[in-house]
Amino acid sequence: MKSAVIVFPGLNRDRDMIAALEKVTGEKPHLAWHGDSDLPDVDLVVVPGGFSYGDYLRAGAIAARSPMLKRVKEHADRGGLTLGVCNGFQILTETGLLPGALMRNRDLKFLCKVIHLKAENTTSPFTSAYKGHEAFPCPIAHHDGNYFIDPDGLKALEDNSQIAFRYCDENGNVTLEANPNGSIENIAGITNKRGNVLGMMPHPENLIEAAHGGIEGRYIFDSLVAAVA
């Protein structure tokens, strides 16, 4: 699987994502600088986490207007697989590739801890390997992870099976107590209607080998490899 990782000033998870992709695919991803306008022909484009442009204005707002994001949008519009994690999720909502918005966490605090996720849809190219592994731990590290969408938008997400992950307890129960940031309906990750774009706040790239405390994050990358095989 050929992949590219978009690099912005202020990111701090791009190297983690590069390591995860290289570990799973055996190939080092292409690094695409935010100010460039040339994106090679790849199977997957990843917008990683961090604090692009220091999160000035609002998280992801400046990055979404960079020259490279025009190429990312073209890639996604052609049906190319596109993954945004944490700040990458925020950037994808700012570009309009994904619906909704990421707001300040419910308690207005930065969160850095391990939570639990439940795979709601295991039919997408990002989640097929989660069959039988629906509830799993995963790290988060964000200040603006409170996902919001209006009632009509929420209904569309549910009707089209676009909710990929929800926050849950260790037994897979989706409860208010398991929601770390106030996201509507415990939503932790969504896809676009076509299913080729995924945005999520937790960090699967930090859960791909046993030394991380689990390998469940690897299933996203395994799913992608299988999808393009």
Protein backbone atom coordinates (compact mmCIF):
# COMPACT_ATOMS: atom_id res chain seq x y z
CA MET A 1 0.00 0.00 0.00
CA LYS A 2 1.43 3.34 -1.06
CA SER A 3 0.77 6.16 1.40
CA ALA A 4 1.52 9.81 2.04
CA VAL A 5 1.60 11.74 5.32
CA ILE A 6 0.89 15.47 5.23
CA VAL A 7 3.30 17.54 7.35
CA PHE A 8 2.37 20.91 8.91
CA PRO A 9 4.28 23.14 11.31
CA GLY A 10 3.12 22.37 14.83
CA LEU A 11 2.33 18.68 14.35
CA ASN A 12 3.68 16.22 16.91
CA ARG A 13 2.26 12.90 15.73
CA ASP A 14 3.51 12.79 12.16
CA ARG A 15 6.55 10.68 13.12
CA ASP A 16 4.33 8.27 15.05
CA MET A 17 2.10 7.87 11.99
CA ILE A 18 5.09 7.36 9.70
CA ALA A 19 6.43 4.64 12.03
CA ALA A 20 3.03 2.92 12.18
CA LEU A 21 2.61 2.88 8.40
CA GLU A 22 6.14 1.63 7.84
CA LYS A 23 5.64 -1.09 10.47
CA VAL A 24 2.43 -2.40 8.93
CA THR A 25 3.08 -1.91 5.20
CA GLY A 26 6.84 -2.38 5.06
CA GLU A 27 7.12 0.83 3.04
CA LYS A 28 8.03 4.31 4.21
CA PRO A 29 5.28 6.81 3.33
CA HIS A 30 5.86 9.85 1.18
CA LEU A 31 6.10 13.06 3.23
CA ALA A 32 4.08 15.90 1.70
CA TRP A 33 4.89 19.39 2.98
CA HIS A 34 1.83 21.58 3.59
CA GLY A 35 3.06 24.38 1.34
CA ASP A 36 3.67 22.16 -1.67
CA SER A 37 1.06 21.48 -4.32
CA ASP A 38 2.32 18.17 -5.69
CA LEU A 39 0.87 14.98 -4.21
CA PRO A 40 2.01 11.67 -5.71
CA ASP A 41 -0.38 8.93 -6.74
CA VAL A 42 -0.90 6.93 -3.53
CA ASP A 43 -3.55 4.63 -2.08
CA LEU A 44 -3.81 6.42 1.27
CA VAL A 45 -3.32 9.99 2.44
CA VAL A 46 -3.01 10.62 6.18
CA VAL A 47 -3.44 13.94 7.97
CA PRO A 48 -1.87 13.26 11.39
CA GLY A 49 -2.35 14.78 14.82
CA GLY A 50 -0.78 17.65 16.71
CA PHE A 51 -1.40 21.37 16.72
CA SER A 52 -1.02 22.64 13.17
CA TYR A 53 -0.19 26.34 13.16
CA GLY A 54 -0.53 26.30 16.95
CA ASP A 55 -4.32 25.88 16.65
CA TYR A 56 -4.60 29.63 16.12
CA LEU A 57 -8.04 30.89 15.05
CA ARG A 58 -9.45 27.40 15.78
CA ALA A 59 -8.06 23.90 15.52
CA GLY A 60 -7.39 22.97 11.89
CA ALA A 61 -8.72 26.21 10.40
CA ILE A 62 -5.45 27.48 8.91
CA ALA A 63 -4.17 24.06 7.83
CA ALA A 64 -7.39 23.39 5.92
CA ARG A 65 -6.55 26.30 3.63
CA SER A 66 -3.03 25.19 2.73
CA PRO A 67 -2.11 24.33 -0.88
CA MET A 68 -1.62 20.65 -0.06
CA LEU A 69 -5.14 20.26 1.29
CA LYS A 70 -6.47 21.12 -2.16
CA ARG A 71 -4.62 18.06 -3.44
CA VAL A 72 -5.90 15.97 -0.52
CA LYS A 73 -9.46 16.98 -1.34
CA GLU A 74 -8.93 16.05 -4.99
CA HIS A 75 -7.54 12.67 -3.88
CA ALA A 76 -10.58 12.05 -1.66
CA ASP A 77 -13.03 13.24 -4.32
CA ARG A 78 -11.56 10.66 -6.69
CA GLY A 79 -12.30 7.96 -4.13
CA GLY A 80 -8.81 7.81 -2.64
CA LEU A 81 -8.55 6.60 0.96
CA THR A 82 -8.03 9.48 3.40
CA LEU A 83 -7.44 9.27 7.15
CA GLY A 84 -7.42 12.18 9.61
CA VAL A 85 -6.41 11.56 13.23
CA CYS A 86 -6.96 14.10 16.04
CA ASN A 87 -5.86 17.41 14.49
CA GLY A 88 -6.24 15.65 11.17
CA PHE A 89 -9.91 14.99 11.96
CA GLN A 90 -10.33 18.67 12.81
CA ILE A 91 -8.69 19.64 9.52
CA LEU A 92 -10.94 17.32 7.49
CA THR A 93 -14.06 18.87 9.02
CA GLU A 94 -12.69 22.34 8.26
CA THR A 95 -12.21 21.38 4.60
CA GLY A 96 -15.75 19.99 4.38
CA LEU A 97 -14.53 16.47 3.61
CA LEU A 98 -16.31 15.36 6.79
CA PRO A 99 -19.46 16.85 8.34
CA GLY A 100 -19.72 18.41 11.79
CA ALA A 101 -17.19 20.24 13.94
CA LEU A 102 -14.78 19.59 16.80
CA MET A 103 -15.26 21.94 19.75
CA ARG A 104 -13.52 22.45 23.09
CA ASN A 105 -13.76 19.48 25.43
CA ARG A 106 -16.74 19.50 27.76
CA ASP A 107 -14.63 20.32 30.86
CA LEU A 108 -12.37 22.76 28.96
CA LYS A 109 -9.29 20.69 29.78
CA PHE A 110 -6.66 18.97 27.68
CA LEU A 111 -7.13 15.21 27.90
CA CYS A 112 -4.26 12.74 27.63
CA LYS A 113 -5.22 9.22 28.71
CA VAL A 114 -6.40 5.82 27.55
CA ILE A 115 -10.10 5.45 26.84
CA HIS A 116 -12.15 2.63 25.26
CA LEU A 117 -13.64 2.58 21.79
CA LYS A 118 -16.33 0.53 20.13
CA ALA A 119 -16.24 -0.15 16.40
CA GLU A 120 -19.77 0.68 15.24
CA ASN A 121 -19.28 -0.17 11.58
CA THR A 122 -16.94 -2.96 10.50
CA THR A 123 -17.76 -2.81 6.79
CA SER A 124 -15.66 0.22 5.81
CA PRO A 125 -12.14 -0.05 4.32
CA PHE A 126 -10.84 1.35 7.62
CA THR A 127 -12.62 -0.99 10.04
CA SER A 128 -13.12 -4.43 8.47
CA ALA A 129 -10.43 -6.01 10.69
CA TYR A 130 -12.36 -5.02 13.83
CA LYS A 131 -14.88 -7.83 13.40
CA GLY A 132 -14.70 -9.66 16.70
CA HIS A 133 -12.66 -6.87 18.31
CA GLU A 134 -15.38 -4.26 18.63
CA ALA A 135 -14.38 -2.82 22.07
CA PHE A 136 -10.75 -1.91 22.71
CA PRO A 137 -8.53 0.60 24.58
CA CYS A 138 -6.97 3.50 22.69
CA PRO A 139 -5.05 6.64 23.73
CA ILE A 140 -6.38 10.18 23.28
CA ALA A 141 -4.55 13.52 23.51
CA HIS A 142 -6.68 16.53 22.62
CA HIS A 143 -8.23 19.78 23.80
CA ASP A 144 -10.82 20.17 21.03
CA GLY A 145 -12.31 16.72 20.62
CA ASN A 146 -15.95 17.43 21.43
CA TYR A 147 -17.68 16.35 18.22
CA PHE A 148 -20.87 18.20 17.32
CA ILE A 149 -23.33 18.00 14.45
CA ASP A 150 -26.89 19.25 14.08
CA PRO A 151 -29.87 16.85 14.40
CA ASP A 152 -30.31 16.43 10.64
CA GLY A 153 -26.62 15.75 10.21
CA LEU A 154 -26.65 13.23 13.06
CA LYS A 155 -29.57 11.40 11.51
CA ALA A 156 -27.72 11.26 8.19
CA LEU A 157 -24.65 9.78 9.91
CA GLU A 158 -26.76 7.11 11.54
CA ASP A 159 -28.85 6.35 8.45
CA ASN A 160 -25.76 5.98 6.26
CA SER A 161 -23.74 3.97 8.83
CA GLN A 162 -21.08 6.71 8.92
CA ILE A 163 -20.35 6.44 12.64
CA ALA A 164 -17.15 4.38 12.75
CA PHE A 165 -16.28 4.53 16.46
CA ARG A 166 -17.95 5.51 19.72
CA TYR A 167 -16.49 6.01 23.18
CA CYS A 168 -17.51 3.17 25.49
CA ASP A 169 -16.55 1.43 28.73
CA GLU A 170 -14.25 -1.59 28.83
CA ASN A 171 -17.22 -3.90 28.25
CA GLY A 172 -18.37 -2.06 25.14
CA ASN A 173 -21.25 -0.21 26.80
CA VAL A 174 -21.80 3.25 25.31
CA THR A 175 -22.47 5.35 28.41
CA LEU A 176 -22.29 8.99 29.44
CA GLU A 177 -19.53 8.13 31.93
CA ALA A 178 -17.42 6.65 29.12
CA ASN A 179 -17.60 9.87 27.09
CA PRO A 180 -14.36 11.78 27.81
CA ASN A 181 -15.04 15.06 26.00
CA GLY A 182 -18.79 15.57 25.57
CA SER A 183 -19.03 14.41 21.95
CA ILE A 184 -22.61 14.03 20.78
CA GLU A 185 -23.79 10.41 21.00
CA ASN A 186 -20.27 9.41 22.18
CA ILE A 187 -18.97 9.76 18.61
CA ALA A 188 -15.21 9.25 18.35
CA GLY A 189 -14.85 8.77 14.59
CA ILE A 190 -16.88 9.09 11.40
CA THR A 191 -16.59 8.44 7.69
CA ASN A 192 -17.93 10.40 4.77
CA LYS A 193 -21.01 9.02 2.99
CA ARG A 194 -18.88 7.34 0.33
CA GLY A 195 -16.84 5.60 3.04
CA ASN A 196 -13.37 6.47 1.75
CA VAL A 197 -12.60 9.22 4.31
CA LEU A 198 -12.27 8.55 8.05
CA GLY A 199 -11.72 11.09 10.82
CA MET A 200 -11.18 10.09 14.44
CA MET A 201 -9.90 11.75 17.62
CA PRO A 202 -8.13 8.78 19.31
CA HIS A 203 -4.65 7.74 18.15
CA PRO A 204 -4.54 4.24 16.60
CA GLU A 205 -0.95 4.82 15.48
CA ASN A 206 0.08 4.60 19.14
CA LEU A 207 -1.44 1.14 19.60
CA ILE A 208 0.10 -1.10 16.96
CA GLU A 209 2.48 -3.35 18.89
CA ALA A 210 2.46 -5.12 22.25
CA ALA A 211 4.93 -2.66 23.80
CA HIS A 212 2.23 0.02 23.41
CA GLY A 213 -0.13 -1.98 25.61
CA GLY A 214 -2.12 -3.49 22.75
CA ILE A 215 -2.27 -3.94 18.99
CA GLU A 216 -5.88 -2.93 18.35
CA GLY A 217 -4.89 0.30 16.62
CA ARG A 218 -3.11 -1.77 14.01
CA TYR A 219 -6.45 -3.12 12.77
CA ILE A 220 -7.17 0.17 11.01
CA PHE A 221 -3.97 -0.16 9.01
CA ASP A 222 -4.57 -3.88 8.42
CA SER A 223 -8.03 -3.02 7.11
CA LEU A 224 -6.55 -0.49 4.70
CA VAL A 225 -3.92 -2.90 3.42
CA ALA A 226 -6.65 -5.47 2.78
CA ALA A 227 -8.81 -2.86 1.03
CA VAL A 228 -6.16 -2.00 -1.56
CA ALA A 229 -4.79 -5.50 -2.02
